[in-house]
Amino acid sequence: MPNRRLVCWLALAALLLAPSARAELAAWDQGKVTGLAKDLVKVTEALHEAFIQQPPPANPGSTQSESYYRLRFSVWMIRSEASILLTSLENGDARESTQWSYDNLMSHTRSARTEAQQAFVAKDVGERAAAVRGVLNQLGPYYDPDFRTIAPDPNIERGATR
């Protein structure tokens, strides 16, 4: 009986200490990634333009108003990071030296999706957000071995209010 317990404990320890399996990154293709970054700049600029055309909420200090201003900042940062990423890639920087920019871009994207749940999002803003999501879904596998496709958010992409 003690030997079976020892075997179970050793098996459990091996499982817990074993490095987790990670998916593989997409093979780096500088031209393809740079082309995707160019597309990303275009769609993030269109998203930013559509968003700034949207009036702020009428209730200053409300949760919706706070979310609107946080979302506005996130959209601006997404546009900025997309431009930084493109410039770096056009200068010949590869994955390792552009990883930080991609990570910042995704961080602001996650923040924007969270804030958009609380803020009014016009239909054209939602459509532009869907275009950004589409390019990020193509770019992600080049930077993140565990990248999960960003699912559509019907509340944002339809232009809903909460």
C-alpha atoms as a PDB file:
ATOM      1  CA  MET A   1       0.000   0.000   0.000  1.00  0.00           C
ATOM      2  CA  PRO A   2       2.745   2.551   0.812  1.00  0.00           C
ATOM      3  CA  ASN A   3       4.332   1.933  -2.582  1.00  0.00           C
ATOM      4  CA  ARG A   4       1.094   2.797  -4.386  1.00  0.00           C
ATOM      5  CA  ARG A   5       0.785   6.008  -2.406  1.00  0.00           C
ATOM      6  CA  LEU A   6       4.361   6.894  -3.211  1.00  0.00           C
ATOM      7  CA  VAL A   7       3.769   6.235  -6.904  1.00  0.00           C
ATOM      8  CA  CYS A   8       0.631   8.421  -6.842  1.00  0.00           C
ATOM      9  CA  TRP A   9       2.480  11.251  -5.092  1.00  0.00           C
ATOM     10  CA  LEU A  10       5.383  11.030  -7.531  1.00  0.00           C
ATOM     11  CA  ALA A  11       3.003  11.056 -10.500  1.00  0.00           C
ATOM     12  CA  LEU A  12       1.177  14.070  -9.098  1.00  0.00           C
ATOM     13  CA  ALA A  13       4.461  15.890  -8.460  1.00  0.00           C
ATOM     14  CA  ALA A  14       5.611  15.155 -12.013  1.00  0.00           C
ATOM     15  CA  LEU A  15       2.397  16.588 -13.421  1.00  0.00           C
ATOM     16  CA  LEU A  16       2.608  19.720 -11.302  1.00  0.00           C
ATOM     17  CA  LEU A  17       6.275  20.355 -12.024  1.00  0.00           C
ATOM     18  CA  ALA A  18       6.205  19.543 -15.743  1.00  0.00           C
ATOM     19  CA  PRO A  19       6.359  22.579 -18.006  1.00  0.00           C
ATOM     20  CA  SER A  20       3.000  23.321 -19.528  1.00  0.00           C
ATOM     21  CA  ALA A  21       2.585  22.573 -23.180  1.00  0.00           C
ATOM     22  CA  ARG A  22       2.414  25.680 -25.297  1.00  0.00           C
ATOM     23  CA  ALA A  23       1.234  26.072 -28.820  1.00  0.00           C
ATOM     24  CA  GLU A  24       3.691  27.154 -31.474  1.00  0.00           C
ATOM     25  CA  LEU A  25       4.020  30.680 -32.762  1.00  0.00           C
ATOM     26  CA  ALA A  26       3.227  31.218 -36.410  1.00  0.00           C
ATOM     27  CA  ALA A  27       6.418  31.207 -38.473  1.00  0.00           C
ATOM     28  CA  TRP A  28       7.651  34.790 -38.594  1.00  0.00           C
ATOM     29  CA  ASP A  29       7.062  36.467 -41.955  1.00  0.00           C
ATOM     30  CA  GLN A  30       8.295  40.066 -41.787  1.00  0.00           C
ATOM     31  CA  GLY A  31       6.422  41.104 -44.932  1.00  0.00           C
ATOM     32  CA  LYS A  32       3.144  39.518 -43.856  1.00  0.00           C
ATOM     33  CA  VAL A  33       3.333  40.934 -40.320  1.00  0.00           C
ATOM     34  CA  THR A  34       4.237  44.395 -41.633  1.00  0.00           C
ATOM     35  CA  GLY A  35       1.308  44.223 -44.062  1.00  0.00           C
ATOM     36  CA  LEU A  36      -1.029  43.292 -41.204  1.00  0.00           C
ATOM     37  CA  ALA A  37       0.355  46.206 -39.163  1.00  0.00           C
ATOM     38  CA  LYS A  38      -0.400  48.547 -42.094  1.00  0.00           C
ATOM     39  CA  ASP A  39      -3.956  47.213 -42.187  1.00  0.00           C
ATOM     40  CA  LEU A  40      -4.164  47.643 -38.426  1.00  0.00           C
ATOM     41  CA  VAL A  41      -3.134  51.283 -38.637  1.00  0.00           C
ATOM     42  CA  LYS A  42      -5.850  51.931 -41.233  1.00  0.00           C
ATOM     43  CA  VAL A  43      -8.613  50.274 -39.239  1.00  0.00           C
ATOM     44  CA  THR A  44      -7.543  51.792 -35.912  1.00  0.00           C
ATOM     45  CA  GLU A  45      -7.504  55.257 -37.498  1.00  0.00           C
ATOM     46  CA  ALA A  46     -11.011  54.630 -38.842  1.00  0.00           C
ATOM     47  CA  LEU A  47     -12.116  53.444 -35.384  1.00  0.00           C
ATOM     48  CA  HIS A  48     -10.651  56.544 -33.743  1.00  0.00           C
ATOM     49  CA  GLU A  49     -12.296  58.873 -36.269  1.00  0.00           C
ATOM     50  CA  ALA A  50     -15.681  57.199 -35.824  1.00  0.00           C
ATOM     51  CA  PHE A  51     -15.355  57.304 -32.058  1.00  0.00           C
ATOM     52  CA  ILE A  52     -14.471  61.004 -31.829  1.00  0.00           C
ATOM     53  CA  GLN A  53     -17.531  61.801 -33.970  1.00  0.00           C
ATOM     54  CA  GLN A  54     -19.676  60.243 -31.257  1.00  0.00           C
ATOM     55  CA  PRO A  55     -20.887  62.771 -28.667  1.00  0.00           C
ATOM     56  CA  PRO A  56     -20.051  62.128 -25.005  1.00  0.00           C
ATOM     57  CA  PRO A  57     -22.866  60.971 -22.721  1.00  0.00           C
ATOM     58  CA  ALA A  58     -25.201  63.672 -21.484  1.00  0.00           C
ATOM     59  CA  ASN A  59     -24.866  62.664 -17.817  1.00  0.00           C
ATOM     60  CA  PRO A  60     -21.463  63.879 -16.554  1.00  0.00           C
ATOM     61  CA  GLY A  61     -20.147  61.796 -13.666  1.00  0.00           C
ATOM     62  CA  SER A  62     -22.276  58.778 -14.534  1.00  0.00           C
ATOM     63  CA  THR A  63     -20.825  55.299 -14.947  1.00  0.00           C
ATOM     64  CA  GLN A  64     -21.560  55.534 -18.661  1.00  0.00           C
ATOM     65  CA  SER A  65     -19.730  58.864 -18.866  1.00  0.00           C
ATOM     66  CA  GLU A  66     -16.672  57.511 -17.036  1.00  0.00           C
ATOM     67  CA  SER A  67     -16.613  54.460 -19.312  1.00  0.00           C
ATOM     68  CA  TYR A  68     -16.898  56.706 -22.364  1.00  0.00           C
ATOM     69  CA  TYR A  69     -13.782  58.683 -21.404  1.00  0.00           C
ATOM     70  CA  ARG A  70     -11.803  55.560 -20.502  1.00  0.00           C
ATOM     71  CA  LEU A  71     -12.884  54.028 -23.804  1.00  0.00           C
ATOM     72  CA  ARG A  72     -11.843  57.183 -25.672  1.00  0.00           C
ATOM     73  CA  PHE A  73      -8.373  56.931 -24.105  1.00  0.00           C
ATOM     74  CA  SER A  74      -8.102  53.215 -24.933  1.00  0.00           C
ATOM     75  CA  VAL A  75      -9.103  53.829 -28.563  1.00  0.00           C
ATOM     76  CA  TRP A  76      -6.481  56.572 -28.799  1.00  0.00           C
ATOM     77  CA  MET A  77      -3.831  54.257 -27.297  1.00  0.00           C
ATOM     78  CA  ILE A  78      -4.769  51.423 -29.650  1.00  0.00           C
ATOM     79  CA  ARG A  79      -4.293  53.759 -32.604  1.00  0.00           C
ATOM     80  CA  SER A  80      -0.973  54.986 -31.183  1.00  0.00           C
ATOM     81  CA  GLU A  81       0.375  51.499 -30.479  1.00  0.00           C
ATOM     82  CA  ALA A  82      -0.628  50.314 -33.946  1.00  0.00           C
ATOM     83  CA  SER A  83       1.419  53.169 -35.447  1.00  0.00           C
ATOM     84  CA  ILE A  84       4.398  52.409 -33.205  1.00  0.00           C
ATOM     85  CA  LEU A  85       4.223  48.729 -34.146  1.00  0.00           C
ATOM     86  CA  LEU A  86       4.105  49.553 -37.847  1.00  0.00           C
ATOM     87  CA  THR A  87       7.042  51.960 -37.636  1.00  0.00           C
ATOM     88  CA  SER A  88       9.136  49.367 -35.815  1.00  0.00           C
ATOM     89  CA  LEU A  89       8.275  46.649 -38.322  1.00  0.00           C
ATOM     90  CA  GLU A  90       8.995  48.942 -41.270  1.00  0.00           C
ATOM     91  CA  ASN A  91      12.400  49.656 -39.701  1.00  0.00           C
ATOM     92  CA  GLY A  92      13.122  45.924 -39.830  1.00  0.00           C
ATOM     93  CA  ASP A  93      12.418  45.081 -36.204  1.00  0.00           C
ATOM     94  CA  ALA A  94      11.202  41.517 -35.791  1.00  0.00           C
ATOM     95  CA  ARG A  95       9.119  39.716 -33.167  1.00  0.00           C
ATOM     96  CA  GLU A  96      11.428  40.056 -30.195  1.00  0.00           C
ATOM     97  CA  SER A  97      11.863  43.815 -30.479  1.00  0.00           C
ATOM     98  CA  THR A  98       8.184  44.516 -31.280  1.00  0.00           C
ATOM     99  CA  GLN A  99       6.677  42.169 -28.699  1.00  0.00           C
ATOM    100  CA  TRP A 100       6.312  44.967 -26.131  1.00  0.00           C
ATOM    101  CA  SER A 101       4.310  47.060 -28.586  1.00  0.00           C
ATOM    102  CA  TYR A 102       2.032  44.145 -29.429  1.00  0.00           C
ATOM    103  CA  ASP A 103       1.534  43.420 -25.711  1.00  0.00           C
ATOM    104  CA  ASN A 104       0.608  47.067 -25.030  1.00  0.00           C
ATOM    105  CA  LEU A 105      -1.767  47.034 -27.980  1.00  0.00           C
ATOM    106  CA  MET A 106      -3.541  43.947 -26.674  1.00  0.00           C
ATOM    107  CA  SER A 107      -3.717  45.362 -23.157  1.00  0.00           C
ATOM    108  CA  HIS A 108      -5.482  48.476 -24.445  1.00  0.00           C
ATOM    109  CA  THR A 109      -7.724  46.314 -26.625  1.00  0.00           C
ATOM    110  CA  ARG A 110      -8.853  44.320 -23.590  1.00  0.00           C
ATOM    111  CA  SER A 111      -9.487  47.563 -21.678  1.00  0.00           C
ATOM    112  CA  ALA A 112     -11.480  48.999 -24.576  1.00  0.00           C
ATOM    113  CA  ARG A 113     -13.665  45.914 -24.803  1.00  0.00           C
ATOM    114  CA  THR A 114     -14.392  46.121 -21.072  1.00  0.00           C
ATOM    115  CA  GLU A 115     -15.241  49.829 -21.167  1.00  0.00           C
ATOM    116  CA  ALA A 116     -17.351  49.454 -24.311  1.00  0.00           C
ATOM    117  CA  GLN A 117     -19.654  47.167 -22.334  1.00  0.00           C
ATOM    118  CA  GLN A 118     -20.667  50.171 -20.209  1.00  0.00           C
ATOM    119  CA  ALA A 119     -20.494  53.018 -22.715  1.00  0.00           C
ATOM    120  CA  PHE A 120     -22.827  53.862 -25.564  1.00  0.00           C
ATOM    121  CA  VAL A 121     -21.244  52.650 -28.789  1.00  0.00           C
ATOM    122  CA  ALA A 122     -22.672  53.870 -32.090  1.00  0.00           C
ATOM    123  CA  LYS A 123     -23.156  51.331 -34.877  1.00  0.00           C
ATOM    124  CA  ASP A 124     -20.330  52.728 -37.036  1.00  0.00           C
ATOM    125  CA  VAL A 125     -17.948  52.542 -34.048  1.00  0.00           C
ATOM    126  CA  GLY A 126     -18.966  48.918 -33.536  1.00  0.00           C
ATOM    127  CA  GLU A 127     -18.326  48.139 -37.198  1.00  0.00           C
ATOM    128  CA  ARG A 128     -14.868  49.739 -36.996  1.00  0.00           C
ATOM    129  CA  ALA A 129     -14.135  47.766 -33.811  1.00  0.00           C
ATOM    130  CA  ALA A 130     -15.018  44.569 -35.694  1.00  0.00           C
ATOM    131  CA  ALA A 131     -12.490  45.474 -38.397  1.00  0.00           C
ATOM    132  CA  VAL A 132      -9.783  46.022 -35.757  1.00  0.00           C
ATOM    133  CA  ARG A 133     -10.692  42.686 -34.174  1.00  0.00           C
ATOM    134  CA  GLY A 134     -10.339  40.983 -37.558  1.00  0.00           C
ATOM    135  CA  VAL A 135      -6.784  42.243 -38.096  1.00  0.00           C
ATOM    136  CA  LEU A 136      -5.750  41.474 -34.501  1.00  0.00           C
ATOM    137  CA  ASN A 137      -6.991  37.905 -34.981  1.00  0.00           C
ATOM    138  CA  GLN A 138      -4.601  37.548 -37.911  1.00  0.00           C
ATOM    139  CA  LEU A 139      -1.685  39.224 -36.106  1.00  0.00           C
ATOM    140  CA  GLY A 140      -2.035  37.418 -32.767  1.00  0.00           C
ATOM    141  CA  PRO A 141      -0.540  34.038 -33.722  1.00  0.00           C
ATOM    142  CA  TYR A 142       2.737  35.744 -34.720  1.00  0.00           C
ATOM    143  CA  TYR A 143       3.199  37.102 -31.178  1.00  0.00           C
ATOM    144  CA  ASP A 144       1.374  34.831 -28.759  1.00  0.00           C
ATOM    145  CA  PRO A 145       1.692  31.043 -28.855  1.00  0.00           C
ATOM    146  CA  ASP A 146      -1.475  30.810 -26.758  1.00  0.00           C
ATOM    147  CA  PHE A 147      -3.425  33.370 -28.764  1.00  0.00           C
ATOM    148  CA  ARG A 148      -7.155  32.829 -28.687  1.00  0.00           C
ATOM    149  CA  THR A 149      -9.249  34.356 -31.409  1.00  0.00           C
ATOM    150  CA  ILE A 150     -10.989  37.488 -30.170  1.00  0.00           C
ATOM    151  CA  ALA A 151     -14.658  36.670 -30.368  1.00  0.00           C
ATOM    152  CA  PRO A 152     -17.169  39.209 -31.635  1.00  0.00           C
ATOM    153  CA  ASP A 153     -19.004  41.128 -28.953  1.00  0.00           C
ATOM    154  CA  PRO A 154     -22.541  41.664 -30.247  1.00  0.00           C
ATOM    155  CA  ASN A 155     -23.152  44.492 -27.765  1.00  0.00           C
ATOM    156  CA  ILE A 156     -20.250  46.453 -29.216  1.00  0.00           C
ATOM    157  CA  GLU A 157     -20.317  45.461 -32.863  1.00  0.00           C
ATOM    158  CA  ARG A 158     -24.055  46.048 -33.266  1.00  0.00           C
ATOM    159  CA  GLY A 159     -23.782  49.415 -31.608  1.00  0.00           C
ATOM    160  CA  ALA A 160     -25.723  48.799 -28.409  1.00  0.00           C
ATOM    161  CA  THR A 161     -26.025  50.796 -25.242  1.00  0.00           C
ATOM    162  CA  ARG A 162     -25.957  49.507 -21.695  1.00  0.00           C
END
